[in-house]
Amino acid sequence: MDCAFETASKSNDELFTKISDHAKAAHNIEEVSPELKQKITGAIRKKLF
């Protein structure tokens, strides 16, 4: 999926909540499958401030 969505969070739980909310609103994905979660996890990058 080609999506330029970016977000930030201090915890993984909060991060995945934001990602799940985006998936529902922008892509009509009701549930993040384990396969999709693995792809998302691979795309997460730490941002140094």
C-alpha atoms as a PDB file:
ATOM      1  CA  MET A   1       0.000   0.000   0.000  1.00  0.00           C
ATOM      2  CA  ASP A   2       1.405   3.381  -0.935  1.00  0.00           C
ATOM      3  CA  CYS A   3       0.592   5.709   1.957  1.00  0.00           C
ATOM      4  CA  ALA A   4       2.530   8.720   3.206  1.00  0.00           C
ATOM      5  CA  PHE A   5       0.894   8.701   6.654  1.00  0.00           C
ATOM      6  CA  GLU A   6       3.259   9.621   9.477  1.00  0.00           C
ATOM      7  CA  THR A   7       2.691   9.822  13.196  1.00  0.00           C
ATOM      8  CA  ALA A   8       4.716   9.827  16.378  1.00  0.00           C
ATOM      9  CA  SER A   9       4.266   8.448  19.855  1.00  0.00           C
ATOM     10  CA  LYS A  10       6.236   7.704  22.987  1.00  0.00           C
ATOM     11  CA  SER A  11       4.829   4.174  23.326  1.00  0.00           C
ATOM     12  CA  ASN A  12       4.198   1.323  20.904  1.00  0.00           C
ATOM     13  CA  ASP A  13       0.650   0.847  22.216  1.00  0.00           C
ATOM     14  CA  GLU A  14      -0.254   4.472  21.514  1.00  0.00           C
ATOM     15  CA  LEU A  15       1.488   4.295  18.143  1.00  0.00           C
ATOM     16  CA  PHE A  16      -0.508   1.259  17.022  1.00  0.00           C
ATOM     17  CA  THR A  17      -3.736   2.895  18.205  1.00  0.00           C
ATOM     18  CA  LYS A  18      -2.992   5.882  15.976  1.00  0.00           C
ATOM     19  CA  ILE A  19      -2.064   3.598  13.076  1.00  0.00           C
ATOM     20  CA  SER A  20      -5.230   1.504  13.522  1.00  0.00           C
ATOM     21  CA  ASP A  21      -7.381   4.630  13.610  1.00  0.00           C
ATOM     22  CA  HIS A  22      -5.744   5.843  10.393  1.00  0.00           C
ATOM     23  CA  ALA A  23      -6.198   2.448   8.727  1.00  0.00           C
ATOM     24  CA  LYS A  24      -9.917   2.508   9.513  1.00  0.00           C
ATOM     25  CA  ALA A  25     -10.509   6.113   8.466  1.00  0.00           C
ATOM     26  CA  ALA A  26      -8.327   6.295   5.359  1.00  0.00           C
ATOM     27  CA  HIS A  27      -8.252   2.719   4.067  1.00  0.00           C
ATOM     28  CA  ASN A  28     -11.448   1.098   5.420  1.00  0.00           C
ATOM     29  CA  ILE A  29      -9.379  -1.549   7.228  1.00  0.00           C
ATOM     30  CA  GLU A  30     -11.447  -2.673  10.201  1.00  0.00           C
ATOM     31  CA  GLU A  31      -8.841  -4.996  11.729  1.00  0.00           C
ATOM     32  CA  VAL A  32      -5.063  -4.967  11.362  1.00  0.00           C
ATOM     33  CA  SER A  33      -4.065  -8.536  10.540  1.00  0.00           C
ATOM     34  CA  PRO A  34      -0.868 -10.051  11.972  1.00  0.00           C
ATOM     35  CA  GLU A  35       0.676  -9.850   8.501  1.00  0.00           C
ATOM     36  CA  LEU A  36      -0.162  -6.155   8.143  1.00  0.00           C
ATOM     37  CA  LYS A  37       1.083  -5.450  11.671  1.00  0.00           C
ATOM     38  CA  GLN A  38       4.390  -7.105  10.745  1.00  0.00           C
ATOM     39  CA  LYS A  39       4.705  -4.854   7.661  1.00  0.00           C
ATOM     40  CA  ILE A  40       3.866  -1.791   9.739  1.00  0.00           C
ATOM     41  CA  THR A  41       6.403  -2.766  12.395  1.00  0.00           C
ATOM     42  CA  GLY A  42       9.037  -3.066   9.667  1.00  0.00           C
ATOM     43  CA  ALA A  43       8.251   0.456   8.479  1.00  0.00           C
ATOM     44  CA  ILE A  44       8.549   2.101  11.908  1.00  0.00           C
ATOM     45  CA  ARG A  45      11.613   4.265  12.322  1.00  0.00           C
ATOM     46  CA  LYS A  46      12.893   5.951  15.445  1.00  0.00           C
ATOM     47  CA  LYS A  47      13.080   9.681  15.156  1.00  0.00           C
ATOM     48  CA  LEU A  48      15.789  11.470  17.056  1.00  0.00           C
ATOM     49  CA  PHE A  49      14.872  14.901  18.316  1.00  0.00           C
END
